[in-house]
């Protein structure tokens, strides 16, 4: 960008993916980074990292003005902020509507009057529903099966409409299952690691044959950065899957974690969660062809790294 460092603004900057992304942008890319999150940032504010602690879905006037000022200074906005735990969305759908739809609307309204700025909207593979035996491509039918998935697809629709109505260059990224150090403790891999480490039995939902597509968080961050560096300033709209293209059953994930931890935990079976997908696998041909991206960390290695870091060791 003419020798001037690109300025990136990240919503959901304190979350699992946001923390990994902002850390990489600051440490390896030498970029100016801003962020917003309701949760305080793990890193201190500096000249290179400007953070706003606020609820994107219900900004006060002063916070809205502050956010507009930061976005007007940005080249790219990466929108990660969201409620993202599928099962909770059945009990609290209104919260998901507020944080996944209303918050996206608030952001888009600020971007609309702050152009030129480019948008990377991070959605979810859950919009596809069950993919079946064939990996979902960006052209596959969308069939959300949970309130969470429905709110994320609604957010996509808003971003798509703003892209075409107000000429905002937009890339929608649909990550499949991400994992790695720092992930929320209620997710499958960190929850399983903690139970194995503590010698507790593992609770398996359903038969454990549900299939998921897993990508290590550092690889996901790499794709976001590649898109940020290449997204056109011209009005565009595209959708990109973030996936490994490899399906792995829950039972196999449990086995990998147990092997990496050197334990043999007991298993306890329970009824399958309502709305759980049986198969969710994505094709990554578009990300590979357009951005030269493919996952570098295989699932076995990624789980071993995550297990080691859970013990306080350096991966």
Protein backbone atom coordinates (compact mmCIF):
# COMPACT_ATOMS: atom_id res chain seq x y z
CA UNK A 1 0.00 0.00 0.00
CA UNK A 2 2.57 2.48 -1.17
CA UNK A 3 4.90 1.73 1.71
CA UNK A 4 2.30 2.70 4.33
CA UNK A 5 1.40 -0.15 6.68
CA UNK A 6 -2.10 -1.46 6.13
CA UNK A 7 -4.47 -0.64 8.98
CA UNK A 8 -6.72 -3.48 10.10
CA UNK A 9 -9.66 -3.19 12.48
CA UNK A 10 -10.95 -6.37 14.15
CA UNK A 11 -14.31 -6.83 15.85
CA UNK A 12 -14.37 -9.54 18.49
CA UNK A 13 -10.68 -8.81 19.07
CA UNK A 14 -10.60 -10.46 22.51
CA UNK A 15 -12.08 -13.77 21.42
CA UNK A 16 -10.30 -17.00 20.55
CA UNK A 17 -9.78 -16.15 16.88
CA UNK A 18 -9.54 -12.39 17.43
CA UNK A 19 -6.72 -12.74 19.96
CA UNK A 20 -4.77 -15.06 17.65
CA UNK A 21 -5.34 -12.75 14.67
CA UNK A 22 -4.41 -9.49 16.37
CA UNK A 23 -1.32 -11.07 17.93
CA UNK A 24 -0.16 -12.29 14.52
CA UNK A 25 -0.90 -8.95 12.85
CA UNK A 26 1.14 -7.11 15.46
CA UNK A 27 4.02 -9.57 15.81
CA UNK A 28 4.59 -10.84 12.29
CA UNK A 29 2.95 -8.47 9.86
CA UNK A 30 3.99 -5.11 11.32
CA UNK A 31 0.51 -3.70 10.72
CA UNK A 32 -1.42 -1.07 12.63
CA UNK A 33 -4.28 -2.83 14.40
CA UNK A 34 -7.46 -1.66 16.09
CA UNK A 35 -10.13 -3.71 17.78
CA UNK A 36 -13.40 -3.74 19.66
CA UNK A 37 -14.84 -6.26 22.10
CA UNK A 38 -17.06 -6.28 25.16
CA UNK A 39 -14.38 -8.34 26.93
CA UNK A 40 -11.13 -6.52 27.85
CA UNK A 41 -8.21 -7.21 25.55
CA UNK A 42 -5.49 -9.54 26.79
CA UNK A 43 -2.82 -7.22 25.37
CA UNK A 44 -2.31 -3.58 26.47
CA UNK A 45 -3.20 -0.63 24.29
CA UNK A 46 -0.17 0.70 22.44
CA UNK A 47 0.57 2.93 19.48
CA UNK A 48 0.23 -0.18 17.30
CA UNK A 49 -2.87 -1.60 19.00
CA UNK A 50 -5.84 0.67 19.68
CA UNK A 51 -8.67 -1.09 21.51
CA UNK A 52 -12.25 -0.06 22.31
CA UNK A 53 -14.05 -1.96 25.06
CA UNK A 54 -17.71 -1.77 24.09
CA UNK A 55 -20.74 -3.84 23.10
CA UNK A 56 -20.99 -3.59 19.32
CA UNK A 57 -24.71 -4.42 19.44
CA UNK A 58 -25.60 -1.52 21.76
CA UNK A 59 -23.09 1.26 21.36
CA UNK A 60 -23.45 4.46 23.34
CA UNK A 61 -23.18 7.67 21.25
CA UNK A 62 -19.62 8.36 22.37
CA UNK A 63 -18.57 4.78 21.62
CA UNK A 64 -20.23 4.93 18.20
CA UNK A 65 -18.30 8.08 17.33
CA UNK A 66 -15.08 6.52 18.58
CA UNK A 67 -15.67 3.37 16.50
CA UNK A 68 -16.50 5.44 13.41
CA UNK A 69 -13.26 7.36 13.81
CA UNK A 70 -11.23 4.14 14.01
CA UNK A 71 -12.96 2.53 11.05
CA UNK A 72 -12.46 5.67 8.95
CA UNK A 73 -8.73 5.20 9.53
CA UNK A 74 -8.79 1.51 8.58
CA UNK A 75 -8.14 -0.14 5.24
CA UNK A 76 -9.77 -3.46 6.16
CA UNK A 77 -12.34 -4.45 8.80
CA UNK A 78 -12.39 -8.11 9.88
CA UNK A 79 -15.74 -8.81 11.52
CA UNK A 80 -15.38 -11.67 14.01
CA UNK A 81 -17.67 -10.49 16.83
CA UNK A 82 -20.48 -12.99 17.41
CA UNK A 83 -22.21 -15.36 19.77
CA UNK A 84 -20.97 -18.70 18.50
CA UNK A 85 -21.98 -21.60 20.74
CA UNK A 86 -24.61 -23.53 18.78
CA UNK A 87 -26.33 -25.30 21.69
CA UNK A 88 -26.80 -22.11 23.74
CA UNK A 89 -28.69 -20.55 20.84
CA UNK A 90 -31.67 -22.84 21.50
CA UNK A 91 -32.11 -21.43 25.01
CA UNK A 92 -31.24 -17.80 24.25
CA UNK A 93 -32.12 -17.08 20.60
CA UNK A 94 -32.82 -13.40 21.31
CA UNK A 95 -29.22 -12.92 22.49
CA UNK A 96 -28.00 -14.42 19.23
CA UNK A 97 -30.25 -12.15 17.18
CA UNK A 98 -28.89 -9.16 19.08
CA UNK A 99 -25.20 -10.07 18.88
CA UNK A 100 -25.10 -11.67 15.42
CA UNK A 101 -27.61 -9.59 13.48
CA UNK A 102 -28.06 -6.26 15.27
CA UNK A 103 -24.32 -5.95 15.93
CA UNK A 104 -23.57 -6.63 12.26
CA UNK A 105 -26.10 -3.98 11.25
CA UNK A 106 -24.46 -1.45 13.59
CA UNK A 107 -21.07 -2.18 12.06
CA UNK A 108 -22.33 -1.99 8.48
CA UNK A 109 -23.99 1.36 9.12
CA UNK A 110 -20.68 2.77 10.34
CA UNK A 111 -18.80 1.26 7.39
CA UNK A 112 -21.40 2.70 4.99
CA UNK A 113 -20.50 6.25 5.99
CA UNK A 114 -16.80 5.52 6.43
CA UNK A 115 -15.90 4.31 2.94
CA UNK A 116 -13.56 3.48 1.41
CA UNK A 117 -13.03 0.47 3.65
CA UNK A 118 -12.99 -3.23 2.79
CA UNK A 119 -14.87 -5.83 4.83
CA UNK A 120 -14.05 -9.43 5.70
CA UNK A 121 -17.18 -10.86 7.31
CA UNK A 122 -16.50 -14.09 9.20
CA UNK A 123 -19.54 -16.35 9.13
CA UNK A 124 -19.75 -20.11 9.80
CA UNK A 125 -20.01 -23.50 8.11
CA UNK A 126 -23.23 -24.02 10.11
CA UNK A 127 -25.12 -22.12 7.40
CA UNK A 128 -24.76 -25.21 5.15
CA UNK A 129 -26.43 -27.56 7.62
CA UNK A 130 -25.54 -31.21 7.02
CA UNK A 131 -23.17 -31.47 4.07
CA UNK A 132 -23.58 -35.21 3.58
CA UNK A 133 -20.90 -37.24 1.83
CA UNK A 134 -19.91 -34.42 -0.53
CA UNK A 135 -17.85 -31.52 0.83
CA UNK A 136 -19.75 -28.24 0.66
CA UNK A 137 -18.55 -25.66 -1.83
CA UNK A 138 -19.34 -21.97 -1.74
CA UNK A 139 -22.19 -22.68 -4.18
CA UNK A 140 -23.81 -25.38 -2.05
CA UNK A 141 -27.32 -24.85 -0.73
CA UNK A 142 -27.54 -23.16 2.67
CA UNK A 143 -29.85 -24.85 5.21
CA UNK A 144 -29.30 -23.49 8.73
CA UNK A 145 -30.59 -25.88 11.40
CA UNK A 146 -30.07 -23.85 14.59
CA UNK A 147 -30.91 -20.33 15.75
CA UNK A 148 -27.15 -19.66 15.75
CA UNK A 149 -26.79 -20.71 12.11
CA UNK A 150 -29.86 -18.69 11.12
CA UNK A 151 -28.51 -15.53 12.73
CA UNK A 152 -25.13 -15.98 11.04
CA UNK A 153 -26.80 -16.44 7.65
CA UNK A 154 -28.87 -13.32 8.34
CA UNK A 155 -25.63 -11.45 9.06
CA UNK A 156 -24.26 -12.67 5.74
CA UNK A 157 -27.39 -11.41 3.98
CA UNK A 158 -26.96 -7.97 5.54
CA UNK A 159 -23.32 -7.77 4.47
CA UNK A 160 -24.22 -8.95 0.96
CA UNK A 161 -26.96 -6.33 0.68
CA UNK A 162 -24.66 -3.55 1.89
CA UNK A 163 -21.94 -4.72 -0.49
CA UNK A 164 -24.24 -4.37 -3.49
CA UNK A 165 -26.21 -1.34 -2.28
CA UNK A 166 -23.29 0.77 -1.07
CA UNK A 167 -20.35 -0.65 -3.08
CA UNK A 168 -18.50 -2.02 -0.06
CA UNK A 169 -15.84 -4.55 -1.14
CA UNK A 170 -16.79 -7.63 0.89
CA UNK A 171 -15.49 -11.15 1.38
CA UNK A 172 -17.60 -13.55 3.44
CA UNK A 173 -15.52 -16.34 5.01
CA UNK A 174 -17.23 -19.51 6.21
CA UNK A 175 -14.91 -21.28 8.66
CA UNK A 176 -15.55 -24.90 9.51
CA UNK A 177 -14.46 -26.06 12.96
CA UNK A 178 -11.45 -24.14 14.28
CA UNK A 179 -9.39 -25.23 17.28
CA UNK A 180 -6.11 -24.55 19.03
CA UNK A 181 -4.57 -22.99 22.15
CA UNK A 182 -6.75 -20.41 23.87
CA UNK A 183 -10.10 -21.74 22.69
CA UNK A 184 -13.09 -21.43 25.01
CA UNK A 185 -13.19 -24.26 27.54
CA UNK A 186 -16.73 -25.34 26.60
CA UNK A 187 -15.70 -26.45 23.09
CA UNK A 188 -15.10 -30.10 22.24
CA UNK A 189 -11.30 -30.21 22.02
CA UNK A 190 -10.36 -28.04 25.05
CA UNK A 191 -13.15 -29.60 27.13
CA UNK A 192 -11.92 -33.09 26.26
CA UNK A 193 -8.29 -32.20 26.96
CA UNK A 194 -9.23 -30.87 30.40
CA UNK A 195 -11.21 -33.98 31.30
CA UNK A 196 -8.48 -36.34 30.07
CA UNK A 197 -5.85 -34.37 31.98
CA UNK A 198 -7.95 -34.53 35.16
CA UNK A 199 -8.63 -38.26 34.83
CA UNK A 200 -12.36 -37.78 34.26
CA UNK A 201 -14.63 -39.81 32.00
CA UNK A 202 -15.48 -38.36 28.59
CA UNK A 203 -19.14 -37.67 27.83
CA UNK A 204 -19.93 -38.54 24.22
CA UNK A 205 -23.02 -37.00 22.63
CA UNK A 206 -24.87 -39.57 20.55
CA UNK A 207 -22.77 -42.29 18.92
CA UNK A 208 -19.66 -40.15 18.41
CA UNK A 209 -19.74 -40.75 14.67
CA UNK A 210 -20.59 -37.15 13.86
CA UNK A 211 -18.06 -35.88 11.31
CA UNK A 212 -16.44 -32.44 11.40
CA UNK A 213 -13.82 -30.57 9.37
CA UNK A 214 -11.07 -29.12 11.61
CA UNK A 215 -8.55 -26.33 10.97
CA UNK A 216 -5.84 -25.16 13.38
CA UNK A 217 -6.31 -21.53 14.41
CA UNK A 218 -2.92 -20.37 13.10
CA UNK A 219 -3.87 -21.64 9.64
CA UNK A 220 -7.20 -19.80 9.83
CA UNK A 221 -5.39 -16.59 10.75
CA UNK A 222 -3.12 -17.05 7.74
CA UNK A 223 -6.11 -17.13 5.38
CA UNK A 224 -7.65 -14.00 6.94
CA UNK A 225 -4.36 -12.16 6.45
CA UNK A 226 -4.02 -13.29 2.84
CA UNK A 227 -7.52 -12.09 2.08
CA UNK A 228 -6.83 -8.76 3.84
CA UNK A 229 -3.74 -8.20 1.69
CA UNK A 230 -5.50 -9.02 -1.58
CA UNK A 231 -9.14 -7.95 -1.24
CA UNK A 232 -9.89 -5.50 -4.01
CA UNK A 233 -10.75 -1.87 -3.34
CA UNK A 234 -13.29 -2.19 -6.17
CA UNK A 235 -16.87 -3.15 -5.26
CA UNK A 236 -16.84 -6.94 -5.02
CA UNK A 237 -18.68 -9.68 -3.16
CA UNK A 238 -17.41 -13.21 -2.72
CA UNK A 239 -17.75 -16.17 -0.38
CA UNK A 240 -14.80 -18.34 0.66
CA UNK A 241 -14.74 -21.56 2.69
CA UNK A 242 -12.10 -21.93 5.39
CA UNK A 243 -11.71 -25.69 5.73
CA UNK A 244 -9.28 -28.59 5.58
CA UNK A 245 -11.44 -30.70 3.28
CA UNK A 246 -10.96 -33.64 5.67
CA UNK A 247 -13.77 -35.11 7.76
CA UNK A 248 -12.96 -36.62 11.16
CA UNK A 249 -15.41 -38.25 13.55
CA UNK A 250 -15.82 -37.15 17.15
CA UNK A 251 -14.71 -40.62 18.24
CA UNK A 252 -11.46 -40.18 16.31
CA UNK A 253 -10.89 -36.76 17.87
CA UNK A 254 -11.26 -38.28 21.34
CA UNK A 255 -8.80 -41.02 20.45
CA UNK A 256 -6.23 -38.49 19.17
CA UNK A 257 -6.50 -36.42 22.35
CA UNK A 258 -6.16 -39.49 24.58
CA UNK A 259 -3.09 -40.65 22.64
CA UNK A 260 -1.49 -37.20 22.78
CA UNK A 261 -2.11 -37.05 26.52
CA UNK A 262 -0.94 -40.62 27.12
CA UNK A 263 -4.21 -41.56 28.84
CA UNK A 264 -7.08 -44.01 28.33
CA UNK A 265 -10.19 -42.26 29.66
CA UNK A 266 -13.50 -43.99 30.27
CA UNK A 267 -16.37 -43.06 27.96
CA UNK A 268 -19.93 -42.17 28.98
CA UNK A 269 -22.63 -41.99 26.31
CA UNK A 270 -25.52 -39.53 26.30
CA UNK A 271 -28.31 -38.43 23.97
CA UNK A 272 -27.21 -36.38 20.99
CA UNK A 273 -27.69 -32.62 21.27
CA UNK A 274 -30.68 -31.22 19.38
CA UNK A 275 -29.64 -29.67 16.09
CA UNK A 276 -26.20 -31.28 16.01
CA UNK A 277 -24.94 -31.79 12.48
CA UNK A 278 -24.13 -35.35 11.47
CA UNK A 279 -21.64 -34.37 8.78
CA UNK A 280 -20.01 -31.00 8.15
CA UNK A 281 -17.10 -30.95 5.69
CA UNK A 282 -16.04 -28.14 3.36
CA UNK A 283 -14.16 -27.95 0.08
CA UNK A 284 -11.27 -25.47 0.13
CA UNK A 285 -10.50 -25.33 -3.60
CA UNK A 286 -11.39 -21.63 -3.87
CA UNK A 287 -9.11 -20.60 -0.99
CA UNK A 288 -6.31 -22.67 -2.50
CA UNK A 289 -6.73 -21.35 -6.03
CA UNK A 290 -7.31 -17.66 -5.26
CA UNK A 291 -5.15 -17.16 -2.17
CA UNK A 292 -2.59 -19.97 -2.45
CA UNK A 293 -3.77 -21.18 0.95
CA UNK A 294 -4.00 -24.64 2.41
CA UNK A 295 -3.71 -25.82 6.02
CA UNK A 296 -0.10 -26.39 7.09
CA UNK A 297 -0.85 -28.01 10.46
CA UNK A 298 -2.44 -31.43 10.18
CA UNK A 299 -5.05 -32.43 12.73
CA UNK A 300 -2.82 -34.84 14.62
CA UNK A 301 -0.06 -32.25 14.98
CA UNK A 302 -2.51 -29.52 15.93
CA UNK A 303 -4.03 -31.63 18.69
CA UNK A 304 -0.58 -32.55 20.00
CA UNK A 305 0.36 -28.84 20.11
CA UNK A 306 -2.86 -27.95 21.89
CA UNK A 307 -2.41 -30.73 24.45
CA UNK A 308 1.18 -29.67 25.12
CA UNK A 309 0.19 -26.04 25.61
CA UNK A 310 -2.58 -27.08 27.98
CA UNK A 311 0.19 -28.45 30.19
CA UNK A 312 1.92 -25.06 30.16
CA UNK A 313 4.61 -26.13 27.72
CA UNK A 314 5.79 -24.17 24.74
CA UNK A 315 4.61 -25.71 21.47
